[in-house]
């Protein structure tokens, strides 16, 4: 089954893994140490993130390190930007209304 990036980030555990990997590359065991769950559960989350190309694996000796694919995360940012612009406009309008109300009370 082909998953997309939004399915991957829908899960709070996967979002937490993404946040960890944004700081540094980590082994599955190091990632699992940050959660109150099994290593197998973390591996399933890593598999989903890898399938969606949010994280990549790199073999270093006997260890596998996972790291974040920043370019793939930009896809989420681009999608969110349409909403960000809308909310910024609404906040600017609210700020104007509040300024008018404040002036009228003086």
C-alpha atoms as a PDB file:
ATOM      1  CA  UNK A   1       0.000   0.000   0.000  1.00  0.00           C
ATOM      2  CA  UNK A   2       1.347   3.428  -0.960  1.00  0.00           C
ATOM      3  CA  UNK A   3       1.057   5.951   1.843  1.00  0.00           C
ATOM      4  CA  UNK A   4       1.435   9.672   1.622  1.00  0.00           C
ATOM      5  CA  UNK A   5       3.206  12.050   3.946  1.00  0.00           C
ATOM      6  CA  UNK A   6      -0.012  13.212   5.602  1.00  0.00           C
ATOM      7  CA  UNK A   7      -0.899   9.690   6.675  1.00  0.00           C
ATOM      8  CA  UNK A   8       2.553   9.413   8.202  1.00  0.00           C
ATOM      9  CA  UNK A   9       2.351  12.619  10.212  1.00  0.00           C
ATOM     10  CA  UNK A  10      -1.200  11.907  11.386  1.00  0.00           C
ATOM     11  CA  UNK A  11       0.144   9.682  14.162  1.00  0.00           C
ATOM     12  CA  UNK A  12       1.475  11.460  17.286  1.00  0.00           C
ATOM     13  CA  UNK A  13       4.232   8.900  17.843  1.00  0.00           C
ATOM     14  CA  UNK A  14       5.513   9.387  14.302  1.00  0.00           C
ATOM     15  CA  UNK A  15       5.429  13.161  14.774  1.00  0.00           C
ATOM     16  CA  UNK A  16       7.520  12.701  17.916  1.00  0.00           C
ATOM     17  CA  UNK A  17       9.985  10.520  16.007  1.00  0.00           C
ATOM     18  CA  UNK A  18      10.231  13.211  13.320  1.00  0.00           C
ATOM     19  CA  UNK A  19      10.969  15.798  16.023  1.00  0.00           C
ATOM     20  CA  UNK A  20      13.740  13.608  17.442  1.00  0.00           C
ATOM     21  CA  UNK A  21      15.284  13.000  14.032  1.00  0.00           C
ATOM     22  CA  UNK A  22      15.167  16.714  13.243  1.00  0.00           C
ATOM     23  CA  UNK A  23      17.845  17.116  15.913  1.00  0.00           C
ATOM     24  CA  UNK A  24      20.142  14.251  14.933  1.00  0.00           C
ATOM     25  CA  UNK A  25      20.352  10.867  13.213  1.00  0.00           C
ATOM     26  CA  UNK A  26      19.520   8.017  15.566  1.00  0.00           C
ATOM     27  CA  UNK A  27      19.449   4.239  15.731  1.00  0.00           C
ATOM     28  CA  UNK A  28      16.117   2.471  16.237  1.00  0.00           C
ATOM     29  CA  UNK A  29      17.144   1.560  19.792  1.00  0.00           C
ATOM     30  CA  UNK A  30      18.009   5.169  20.607  1.00  0.00           C
ATOM     31  CA  UNK A  31      14.646   6.267  19.212  1.00  0.00           C
ATOM     32  CA  UNK A  32      12.795   3.557  21.172  1.00  0.00           C
ATOM     33  CA  UNK A  33      14.463   4.732  24.403  1.00  0.00           C
ATOM     34  CA  UNK A  34      12.403   7.922  24.114  1.00  0.00           C
ATOM     35  CA  UNK A  35       9.065   6.093  24.157  1.00  0.00           C
ATOM     36  CA  UNK A  36       7.192   3.883  26.565  1.00  0.00           C
ATOM     37  CA  UNK A  37       6.647   1.234  23.889  1.00  0.00           C
ATOM     38  CA  UNK A  38       8.357  -1.764  22.342  1.00  0.00           C
ATOM     39  CA  UNK A  39      11.227  -1.646  19.883  1.00  0.00           C
ATOM     40  CA  UNK A  40       8.969  -3.487  17.406  1.00  0.00           C
ATOM     41  CA  UNK A  41       6.354  -0.747  17.642  1.00  0.00           C
ATOM     42  CA  UNK A  42       8.964   1.926  16.928  1.00  0.00           C
ATOM     43  CA  UNK A  43      10.212  -0.156  13.985  1.00  0.00           C
ATOM     44  CA  UNK A  44       6.702  -0.180  12.500  1.00  0.00           C
ATOM     45  CA  UNK A  45       6.528   3.604  12.789  1.00  0.00           C
ATOM     46  CA  UNK A  46       9.966   3.910  11.188  1.00  0.00           C
ATOM     47  CA  UNK A  47       8.828   1.660   8.335  1.00  0.00           C
ATOM     48  CA  UNK A  48       5.866   3.965   7.624  1.00  0.00           C
ATOM     49  CA  UNK A  49       8.097   7.045   7.764  1.00  0.00           C
ATOM     50  CA  UNK A  50      10.595   5.364   5.432  1.00  0.00           C
ATOM     51  CA  UNK A  51       7.871   4.309   2.971  1.00  0.00           C
ATOM     52  CA  UNK A  52       6.719   7.926   2.852  1.00  0.00           C
ATOM     53  CA  UNK A  53      10.323   9.050   2.362  1.00  0.00           C
ATOM     54  CA  UNK A  54      10.234  11.270   5.437  1.00  0.00           C
ATOM     55  CA  UNK A  55      13.211   9.477   6.926  1.00  0.00           C
ATOM     56  CA  UNK A  56      16.106   7.672   5.325  1.00  0.00           C
ATOM     57  CA  UNK A  57      18.253   4.806   6.547  1.00  0.00           C
ATOM     58  CA  UNK A  58      22.026   4.805   6.483  1.00  0.00           C
ATOM     59  CA  UNK A  59      24.178   1.836   7.408  1.00  0.00           C
ATOM     60  CA  UNK A  60      27.198   2.781   9.527  1.00  0.00           C
ATOM     61  CA  UNK A  61      29.097  -0.347  10.461  1.00  0.00           C
ATOM     62  CA  UNK A  62      26.705  -2.670  12.223  1.00  0.00           C
ATOM     63  CA  UNK A  63      24.226   0.081  13.056  1.00  0.00           C
ATOM     64  CA  UNK A  64      21.421   1.576  10.991  1.00  0.00           C
ATOM     65  CA  UNK A  65      20.855   5.284  11.528  1.00  0.00           C
ATOM     66  CA  UNK A  66      17.667   7.082  10.628  1.00  0.00           C
ATOM     67  CA  UNK A  67      17.684  10.736   9.655  1.00  0.00           C
ATOM     68  CA  UNK A  68      15.059  13.224   8.567  1.00  0.00           C
ATOM     69  CA  UNK A  69      14.558  14.077   4.898  1.00  0.00           C
ATOM     70  CA  UNK A  70      14.093  17.839   5.161  1.00  0.00           C
ATOM     71  CA  UNK A  71      13.106  18.227   1.495  1.00  0.00           C
ATOM     72  CA  UNK A  72      10.152  15.898   1.980  1.00  0.00           C
ATOM     73  CA  UNK A  73       8.967  17.921   4.973  1.00  0.00           C
ATOM     74  CA  UNK A  74       8.856  20.991   2.733  1.00  0.00           C
ATOM     75  CA  UNK A  75       5.922  19.314   0.982  1.00  0.00           C
ATOM     76  CA  UNK A  76       3.917  19.669   4.195  1.00  0.00           C
ATOM     77  CA  UNK A  77       5.036  23.263   4.631  1.00  0.00           C
ATOM     78  CA  UNK A  78       3.947  24.150   1.099  1.00  0.00           C
ATOM     79  CA  UNK A  79       0.529  22.636   1.666  1.00  0.00           C
ATOM     80  CA  UNK A  80       0.140  24.465   4.983  1.00  0.00           C
ATOM     81  CA  UNK A  81       1.225  27.797   3.491  1.00  0.00           C
ATOM     82  CA  UNK A  82      -2.160  28.294   1.840  1.00  0.00           C
ATOM     83  CA  UNK A  83      -3.812  28.127   5.264  1.00  0.00           C
ATOM     84  CA  UNK A  84      -1.101  30.189   6.928  1.00  0.00           C
ATOM     85  CA  UNK A  85      -1.772  33.074   4.544  1.00  0.00           C
ATOM     86  CA  UNK A  86      -5.496  32.900   5.230  1.00  0.00           C
ATOM     87  CA  UNK A  87      -5.009  32.919   9.008  1.00  0.00           C
ATOM     88  CA  UNK A  88      -2.485  35.762   8.845  1.00  0.00           C
ATOM     89  CA  UNK A  89      -5.037  37.821   6.924  1.00  0.00           C
ATOM     90  CA  UNK A  90      -7.715  37.050   9.501  1.00  0.00           C
ATOM     91  CA  UNK A  91      -5.413  37.937  12.385  1.00  0.00           C
ATOM     92  CA  UNK A  92      -4.520  41.224  10.700  1.00  0.00           C
ATOM     93  CA  UNK A  93      -8.223  42.008  10.312  1.00  0.00           C
ATOM     94  CA  UNK A  94      -8.859  41.150  13.962  1.00  0.00           C
ATOM     95  CA  UNK A  95      -5.948  43.352  14.999  1.00  0.00           C
ATOM     96  CA  UNK A  96      -7.479  46.249  13.033  1.00  0.00           C
ATOM     97  CA  UNK A  97     -10.886  45.750  14.665  1.00  0.00           C
ATOM     98  CA  UNK A  98      -9.341  45.617  18.132  1.00  0.00           C
ATOM     99  CA  UNK A  99      -7.355  48.789  17.431  1.00  0.00           C
ATOM    100  CA  UNK A 100     -10.551  50.587  16.377  1.00  0.00           C
ATOM    101  CA  UNK A 101     -12.385  49.421  19.510  1.00  0.00           C
ATOM    102  CA  UNK A 102      -9.475  50.514  21.689  1.00  0.00           C
ATOM    103  CA  UNK A 103      -9.465  53.957  20.063  1.00  0.00           C
ATOM    104  CA  UNK A 104     -13.230  54.332  20.526  1.00  0.00           C
ATOM    105  CA  UNK A 105     -12.946  53.600  24.272  1.00  0.00           C
ATOM    106  CA  UNK A 106     -10.436  56.444  24.757  1.00  0.00           C
END
